[in-house]
Amino acid sequence: MTTITIKINERTKAGKALKNLIEFFSREHKGIEIVSDTKSEYNPEFVEKIKEAENDIKNGKTTRLDSENIWENIL
């Protein structure tokens, strides 16, 4: 099995046509599967950092900042 990541601009005729074709084949044929249909405009590295921070919070790894000196604590 091969996984291919494609970035499609849905505002263009070619982009719309390609997306419709992929969706058609994924519905009609069992050999094609859409793994992710994301429309995220965010940088993947940024998204990964946010997910890591969420995991840290879930695991109790948090840091408290003094509100009086918040900018000194951040920098």
PDB file of N, CA and C in Angstrom:
ATOM      1  N   MET A   1       0.843  -1.173   0.000  1.00  0.00           N
ATOM      2  CA  MET A   1       0.000   0.000   0.000  1.00  0.00           C
ATOM      3  C   MET A   1       0.893   1.243   0.000  1.00  0.00           C
ATOM      4  N   THR A   2       0.501   2.238  -0.759  1.00  0.00           N
ATOM      5  CA  THR A   2       1.237   3.495  -0.856  1.00  0.00           C
ATOM      6  C   THR A   2       0.375   4.619  -0.321  1.00  0.00           C
ATOM      7  N   THR A   3       0.975   5.500   0.467  1.00  0.00           N
ATOM      8  CA  THR A   3       0.275   6.682   0.968  1.00  0.00           C
ATOM      9  C   THR A   3       0.846   7.900   0.283  1.00  0.00           C
ATOM     10  N   ILE A   4      -0.035   8.723  -0.267  1.00  0.00           N
ATOM     11  CA  ILE A   4       0.371   9.934  -0.963  1.00  0.00           C
ATOM     12  C   ILE A   4      -0.339  11.112  -0.320  1.00  0.00           C
ATOM     13  N   THR A   5       0.406  12.154  -0.004  1.00  0.00           N
ATOM     14  CA  THR A   5      -0.182  13.364   0.535  1.00  0.00           C
ATOM     15  C   THR A   5      -0.257  14.394  -0.577  1.00  0.00           C
ATOM     16  N   ILE A   6      -1.455  14.927  -0.792  1.00  0.00           N
ATOM     17  CA  ILE A   6      -1.668  15.891  -1.872  1.00  0.00           C
ATOM     18  C   ILE A   6      -2.277  17.152  -1.286  1.00  0.00           C
ATOM     19  N   LYS A   7      -1.758  18.278  -1.683  1.00  0.00           N
ATOM     20  CA  LYS A   7      -2.315  19.566  -1.278  1.00  0.00           C
ATOM     21  C   LYS A   7      -3.111  20.093  -2.469  1.00  0.00           C
ATOM     22  N   ILE A   8      -4.429  20.260  -2.283  1.00  0.00           N
ATOM     23  CA  ILE A   8      -5.315  20.647  -3.377  1.00  0.00           C
ATOM     24  C   ILE A   8      -5.891  22.033  -3.106  1.00  0.00           C
ATOM     25  N   ASN A   9      -5.772  22.912  -4.084  1.00  0.00           N
ATOM     26  CA  ASN A   9      -6.408  24.224  -4.003  1.00  0.00           C
ATOM     27  C   ASN A   9      -7.821  24.073  -4.571  1.00  0.00           C
ATOM     28  N   GLU A  10      -8.805  24.059  -3.693  1.00  0.00           N
ATOM     29  CA  GLU A  10     -10.188  23.821  -4.106  1.00  0.00           C
ATOM     30  C   GLU A  10     -10.804  25.016  -4.823  1.00  0.00           C
ATOM     31  N   ARG A  11     -10.097  26.112  -4.916  1.00  0.00           N
ATOM     32  CA  ARG A  11     -10.612  27.295  -5.615  1.00  0.00           C
ATOM     33  C   ARG A  11     -10.398  27.228  -7.124  1.00  0.00           C
ATOM     34  N   THR A  12      -9.560  26.268  -7.559  1.00  0.00           N
ATOM     35  CA  THR A  12      -9.290  26.147  -8.990  1.00  0.00           C
ATOM     36  C   THR A  12     -10.142  25.034  -9.589  1.00  0.00           C
ATOM     37  N   LYS A  13     -10.355  25.093 -10.893  1.00  0.00           N
ATOM     38  CA  LYS A  13     -11.124  24.048 -11.579  1.00  0.00           C
ATOM     39  C   LYS A  13     -10.429  22.695 -11.443  1.00  0.00           C
ATOM     40  N   ALA A  14      -9.119  22.687 -11.637  1.00  0.00           N
ATOM     41  CA  ALA A  14      -8.368  21.435 -11.554  1.00  0.00           C
ATOM     42  C   ALA A  14      -8.419  20.866 -10.139  1.00  0.00           C
ATOM     43  N   GLY A  15      -8.307  21.735  -9.137  1.00  0.00           N
ATOM     44  CA  GLY A  15      -8.368  21.285  -7.749  1.00  0.00           C
ATOM     45  C   GLY A  15      -9.718  20.682  -7.408  1.00  0.00           C
ATOM     46  N   LYS A  16     -10.786  21.342  -7.837  1.00  0.00           N
ATOM     47  CA  LYS A  16     -12.136  20.818  -7.591  1.00  0.00           C
ATOM     48  C   LYS A  16     -12.329  19.473  -8.285  1.00  0.00           C
ATOM     49  N   ALA A  17     -11.881  19.395  -9.530  1.00  0.00           N
ATOM     50  CA  ALA A  17     -12.040  18.168 -10.296  1.00  0.00           C
ATOM     51  C   ALA A  17     -11.272  17.016  -9.657  1.00  0.00           C
ATOM     52  N   LEU A  18     -10.043  17.274  -9.231  1.00  0.00           N
ATOM     53  CA  LEU A  18      -9.234  16.226  -8.625  1.00  0.00           C
ATOM     54  C   LEU A  18      -9.846  15.759  -7.313  1.00  0.00           C
ATOM     55  N   LYS A  19     -10.311  16.696  -6.483  1.00  0.00           N
ATOM     56  CA  LYS A  19     -10.921  16.312  -5.215  1.00  0.00           C
ATOM     57  C   LYS A  19     -12.185  15.492  -5.447  1.00  0.00           C
ATOM     58  N   ASN A  20     -13.016  15.911  -6.397  1.00  0.00           N
ATOM     59  CA  ASN A  20     -14.227  15.150  -6.708  1.00  0.00           C
ATOM     60  C   ASN A  20     -13.901  13.752  -7.208  1.00  0.00           C
ATOM     61  N   LEU A  21     -12.861  13.643  -8.026  1.00  0.00           N
ATOM     62  CA  LEU A  21     -12.445  12.341  -8.551  1.00  0.00           C
ATOM     63  C   LEU A  21     -11.973  11.417  -7.425  1.00  0.00           C
ATOM     64  N   ILE A  22     -11.171  11.955  -6.526  1.00  0.00           N
ATOM     65  CA  ILE A  22     -10.680  11.159  -5.392  1.00  0.00           C
ATOM     66  C   ILE A  22     -11.841  10.722  -4.506  1.00  0.00           C
ATOM     67  N   GLU A  23     -12.764  11.645  -4.218  1.00  0.00           N
ATOM     68  CA  GLU A  23     -13.923  11.297  -3.395  1.00  0.00           C
ATOM     69  C   GLU A  23     -14.786  10.234  -4.086  1.00  0.00           C
ATOM     70  N   PHE A  24     -14.956  10.349  -5.399  1.00  0.00           N
ATOM     71  CA  PHE A  24     -15.734   9.359  -6.145  1.00  0.00           C
ATOM     72  C   PHE A  24     -15.113   7.973  -6.022  1.00  0.00           C
ATOM     73  N   PHE A  25     -13.802   7.895  -6.276  1.00  0.00           N
ATOM     74  CA  PHE A  25     -13.136   6.596  -6.215  1.00  0.00           C
ATOM     75  C   PHE A  25     -13.127   6.031  -4.803  1.00  0.00           C
ATOM     76  N   SER A  26     -13.036   6.874  -3.793  1.00  0.00           N
ATOM     77  CA  SER A  26     -13.025   6.360  -2.420  1.00  0.00           C
ATOM     78  C   SER A  26     -14.398   5.811  -2.034  1.00  0.00           C
ATOM     79  N   ARG A  27     -15.464   6.356  -2.604  1.00  0.00           N
ATOM     80  CA  ARG A  27     -16.813   5.838  -2.339  1.00  0.00           C
ATOM     81  C   ARG A  27     -17.098   4.574  -3.131  1.00  0.00           C
ATOM     82  N   GLU A  28     -16.697   4.537  -4.393  1.00  0.00           N
ATOM     83  CA  GLU A  28     -17.071   3.455  -5.298  1.00  0.00           C
ATOM     84  C   GLU A  28     -16.122   2.256  -5.261  1.00  0.00           C
ATOM     85  N   HIS A  29     -14.887   2.471  -4.925  1.00  0.00           N
ATOM     86  CA  HIS A  29     -13.894   1.403  -4.975  1.00  0.00           C
ATOM     87  C   HIS A  29     -13.225   1.258  -3.613  1.00  0.00           C
ATOM     88  N   LYS A  30     -13.013   0.051  -3.212  1.00  0.00           N
ATOM     89  CA  LYS A  30     -12.433  -0.214  -1.901  1.00  0.00           C
ATOM     90  C   LYS A  30     -10.918  -0.023  -1.863  1.00  0.00           C
ATOM     91  N   GLY A  31     -10.281   0.204  -2.989  1.00  0.00           N
ATOM     92  CA  GLY A  31      -8.830   0.320  -3.028  1.00  0.00           C
ATOM     93  C   GLY A  31      -8.306   1.699  -2.678  1.00  0.00           C
ATOM     94  N   ILE A  32      -9.203   2.685  -2.532  1.00  0.00           N
ATOM     95  CA  ILE A  32      -8.771   4.048  -2.231  1.00  0.00           C
ATOM     96  C   ILE A  32      -9.472   4.509  -0.960  1.00  0.00           C
ATOM     97  N   GLU A  33      -8.689   5.102  -0.080  1.00  0.00           N
ATOM     98  CA  GLU A  33      -9.233   5.584   1.184  1.00  0.00           C
ATOM     99  C   GLU A  33      -8.717   6.994   1.442  1.00  0.00           C
ATOM    100  N   ILE A  34      -9.604   7.896   1.822  1.00  0.00           N
ATOM    101  CA  ILE A  34      -9.185   9.239   2.233  1.00  0.00           C
ATOM    102  C   ILE A  34      -8.868   9.155   3.717  1.00  0.00           C
ATOM    103  N   VAL A  35      -7.598   9.346   4.060  1.00  0.00           N
ATOM    104  CA  VAL A  35      -7.156   9.209   5.438  1.00  0.00           C
ATOM    105  C   VAL A  35      -7.466  10.479   6.216  1.00  0.00           C
ATOM    106  N   SER A  36      -7.236  11.625   5.617  1.00  0.00           N
ATOM    107  CA  SER A  36      -7.453  12.886   6.309  1.00  0.00           C
ATOM    108  C   SER A  36      -7.911  13.929   5.305  1.00  0.00           C
ATOM    109  N   ASP A  37      -8.970  14.623   5.653  1.00  0.00           N
ATOM    110  CA  ASP A  37      -9.472  15.701   4.801  1.00  0.00           C
ATOM    111  C   ASP A  37      -9.451  16.972   5.632  1.00  0.00           C
ATOM    112  N   THR A  38      -8.250  17.493   5.854  1.00  0.00           N
ATOM    113  CA  THR A  38      -8.113  18.666   6.711  1.00  0.00           C
ATOM    114  C   THR A  38      -8.059  19.924   5.871  1.00  0.00           C
ATOM    115  N   LYS A  39      -8.572  20.966   6.438  1.00  0.00           N
ATOM    116  CA  LYS A  39      -8.527  22.260   5.781  1.00  0.00           C
ATOM    117  C   LYS A  39      -7.780  23.247   6.675  1.00  0.00           C
ATOM    118  N   SER A  40      -6.774  22.759   7.368  1.00  0.00           N
ATOM    119  CA  SER A  40      -6.035  23.586   8.311  1.00  0.00           C
ATOM    120  C   SER A  40      -5.082  24.521   7.580  1.00  0.00           C
ATOM    121  N   GLU A  41      -5.130  25.762   7.953  1.00  0.00           N
ATOM    122  CA  GLU A  41      -4.217  26.755   7.402  1.00  0.00           C
ATOM    123  C   GLU A  41      -2.982  26.909   8.289  1.00  0.00           C
ATOM    124  N   TYR A  42      -2.928  26.149   9.400  1.00  0.00           N
ATOM    125  CA  TYR A  42      -1.844  26.276  10.348  1.00  0.00           C
ATOM    126  C   TYR A  42      -0.627  25.486   9.913  1.00  0.00           C
ATOM    127  N   ASN A  43       0.521  25.973  10.303  1.00  0.00           N
ATOM    128  CA  ASN A  43       1.783  25.295  10.074  1.00  0.00           C
ATOM    129  C   ASN A  43       1.771  23.983  10.857  1.00  0.00           C
ATOM    130  N   PRO A  44       2.099  22.852  10.231  1.00  0.00           N
ATOM    131  CA  PRO A  44       2.077  21.562  10.933  1.00  0.00           C
ATOM    132  C   PRO A  44       2.985  21.527  12.168  1.00  0.00           C
ATOM    133  N   GLU A  45       4.103  22.248  12.140  1.00  0.00           N
ATOM    134  CA  GLU A  45       4.986  22.291  13.310  1.00  0.00           C
ATOM    135  C   GLU A  45       4.301  22.990  14.470  1.00  0.00           C
ATOM    136  N   PHE A  46       3.555  24.053  14.179  1.00  0.00           N
ATOM    137  CA  PHE A  46       2.813  24.777  15.204  1.00  0.00           C
ATOM    138  C   PHE A  46       1.740  23.875  15.813  1.00  0.00           C
ATOM    139  N   VAL A  47       1.026  23.149  14.966  1.00  0.00           N
ATOM    140  CA  VAL A  47      -0.021  22.242  15.438  1.00  0.00           C
ATOM    141  C   VAL A  47       0.584  21.181  16.349  1.00  0.00           C
ATOM    142  N   GLU A  48       1.739  20.655  15.985  1.00  0.00           N
ATOM    143  CA  GLU A  48       2.412  19.639  16.787  1.00  0.00           C
ATOM    144  C   GLU A  48       2.798  20.192  18.160  1.00  0.00           C
ATOM    145  N   LYS A  49       3.290  21.426  18.207  1.00  0.00           N
ATOM    146  CA  LYS A  49       3.649  22.039  19.492  1.00  0.00           C
ATOM    147  C   LYS A  49       2.420  22.210  20.382  1.00  0.00           C
ATOM    148  N   ILE A  50       1.299  22.598  19.802  1.00  0.00           N
ATOM    149  CA  ILE A  50       0.062  22.742  20.573  1.00  0.00           C
ATOM    150  C   ILE A  50      -0.379  21.388  21.127  1.00  0.00           C
ATOM    151  N   LYS A  51      -0.302  20.344  20.310  1.00  0.00           N
ATOM    152  CA  LYS A  51      -0.681  19.005  20.771  1.00  0.00           C
ATOM    153  C   LYS A  51       0.233  18.532  21.896  1.00  0.00           C
ATOM    154  N   GLU A  52       1.528  18.826  21.801  1.00  0.00           N
ATOM    155  CA  GLU A  52       2.469  18.467  22.864  1.00  0.00           C
ATOM    156  C   GLU A  52       2.114  19.193  24.152  1.00  0.00           C
ATOM    157  N   ALA A  53       1.754  20.470  24.035  1.00  0.00           N
ATOM    158  CA  ALA A  53       1.371  21.242  25.221  1.00  0.00           C
ATOM    159  C   ALA A  53       0.101  20.665  25.851  1.00  0.00           C
ATOM    160  N   GLU A  54      -0.855  20.263  25.036  1.00  0.00           N
ATOM    161  CA  GLU A  54      -2.076  19.643  25.565  1.00  0.00           C
ATOM    162  C   GLU A  54      -1.747  18.361  26.314  1.00  0.00           C
ATOM    163  N   ASN A  55      -0.843  17.557  25.771  1.00  0.00           N
ATOM    164  CA  ASN A  55      -0.435  16.321  26.440  1.00  0.00           C
ATOM    165  C   ASN A  55       0.273  16.618  27.753  1.00  0.00           C
ATOM    166  N   ASP A  56       1.105  17.662  27.774  1.00  0.00           N
ATOM    167  CA  ASP A  56       1.790  18.049  29.010  1.00  0.00           C
ATOM    168  C   ASP A  56       0.783  18.430  30.085  1.00  0.00           C
ATOM    169  N   ILE A  57      -0.251  19.171  29.703  1.00  0.00           N
ATOM    170  CA  ILE A  57      -1.274  19.578  30.665  1.00  0.00           C
ATOM    171  C   ILE A  57      -2.005  18.348  31.196  1.00  0.00           C
ATOM    172  N   LYS A  58      -2.332  17.415  30.317  1.00  0.00           N
ATOM    173  CA  LYS A  58      -3.022  16.188  30.738  1.00  0.00           C
ATOM    174  C   LYS A  58      -2.161  15.379  31.704  1.00  0.00           C
ATOM    175  N   ASN A  59      -0.841  15.417  31.504  1.00  0.00           N
ATOM    176  CA  ASN A  59       0.081  14.649  32.348  1.00  0.00           C
ATOM    177  C   ASN A  59       0.546  15.424  33.572  1.00  0.00           C
ATOM    178  N   GLY A  60      -0.019  16.600  33.805  1.00  0.00           N
ATOM    179  CA  GLY A  60       0.326  17.383  34.990  1.00  0.00           C
ATOM    180  C   GLY A  60       1.611  18.176  34.877  1.00  0.00           C
ATOM    181  N   LYS A  61       2.152  18.304  33.691  1.00  0.00           N
ATOM    182  CA  LYS A  61       3.385  19.074  33.493  1.00  0.00           C
ATOM    183  C   LYS A  61       3.013  20.505  33.123  1.00  0.00           C
ATOM    184  N   THR A  62       2.812  21.323  34.135  1.00  0.00           N
ATOM    185  CA  THR A  62       2.452  22.717  33.880  1.00  0.00           C
ATOM    186  C   THR A  62       3.416  23.644  34.592  1.00  0.00           C
ATOM    187  N   THR A  63       3.451  24.880  34.172  1.00  0.00           N
ATOM    188  CA  THR A  63       4.302  25.893  34.777  1.00  0.00           C
ATOM    189  C   THR A  63       3.443  27.098  35.112  1.00  0.00           C
ATOM    190  N   ARG A  64       3.591  27.587  36.333  1.00  0.00           N
ATOM    191  CA  ARG A  64       2.873  28.790  36.729  1.00  0.00           C
ATOM    192  C   ARG A  64       3.773  29.999  36.530  1.00  0.00           C
ATOM    193  N   LEU A  65       3.190  31.056  35.984  1.00  0.00           N
ATOM    194  CA  LEU A  65       3.922  32.294  35.766  1.00  0.00           C
ATOM    195  C   LEU A  65       3.392  33.353  36.712  1.00  0.00           C
ATOM    196  N   ASP A  66       4.287  34.172  37.223  1.00  0.00           N
ATOM    197  CA  ASP A  66       3.898  35.286  38.081  1.00  0.00           C
ATOM    198  C   ASP A  66       3.298  36.379  37.196  1.00  0.00           C
ATOM    199  N   SER A  67       2.054  36.747  37.443  1.00  0.00           N
ATOM    200  CA  SER A  67       1.376  37.724  36.589  1.00  0.00           C
ATOM    201  C   SER A  67       2.001  39.115  36.665  1.00  0.00           C
ATOM    202  N   GLU A  68       2.723  39.380  37.726  1.00  0.00           N
ATOM    203  CA  GLU A  68       3.385  40.685  37.861  1.00  0.00           C
ATOM    204  C   GLU A  68       4.577  40.808  36.914  1.00  0.00           C
ATOM    205  N   ASN A  69       5.225  39.695  36.632  1.00  0.00           N
ATOM    206  CA  ASN A  69       6.431  39.699  35.796  1.00  0.00           C
ATOM    207  C   ASN A  69       6.265  38.747  34.617  1.00  0.00           C
ATOM    208  N   ILE A  70       5.105  38.761  34.029  1.00  0.00           N
ATOM    209  CA  ILE A  70       4.809  37.755  32.999  1.00  0.00           C
ATOM    210  C   ILE A  70       5.753  37.826  31.806  1.00  0.00           C
ATOM    211  N   TRP A  71       6.082  39.030  31.338  1.00  0.00           N
ATOM    212  CA  TRP A  71       6.938  39.158  30.160  1.00  0.00           C
ATOM    213  C   TRP A  71       8.361  38.708  30.459  1.00  0.00           C
ATOM    214  N   GLU A  72       8.828  38.942  31.656  1.00  0.00           N
ATOM    215  CA  GLU A  72      10.173  38.465  32.034  1.00  0.00           C
ATOM    216  C   GLU A  72      10.199  36.938  32.109  1.00  0.00           C
ATOM    217  N   ASN A  73       9.084  36.363  32.561  1.00  0.00           N
ATOM    218  CA  ASN A  73       9.019  34.904  32.664  1.00  0.00           C
ATOM    219  C   ASN A  73       8.930  34.226  31.312  1.00  0.00           C
ATOM    220  N   ILE A  74       8.271  34.859  30.378  1.00  0.00           N
ATOM    221  CA  ILE A  74       8.118  34.275  29.050  1.00  0.00           C
ATOM    222  C   ILE A  74       9.412  34.378  28.265  1.00  0.00           C
ATOM    223  N   LEU A  75      10.028  35.520  28.312  1.00  0.00           N
ATOM    224  CA  LEU A  75      11.243  35.749  27.529  1.00  0.00           C
ATOM    225  C   LEU A  75      12.385  35.126  28.242  1.00  0.00           C
TER     226      LEU A  75
END
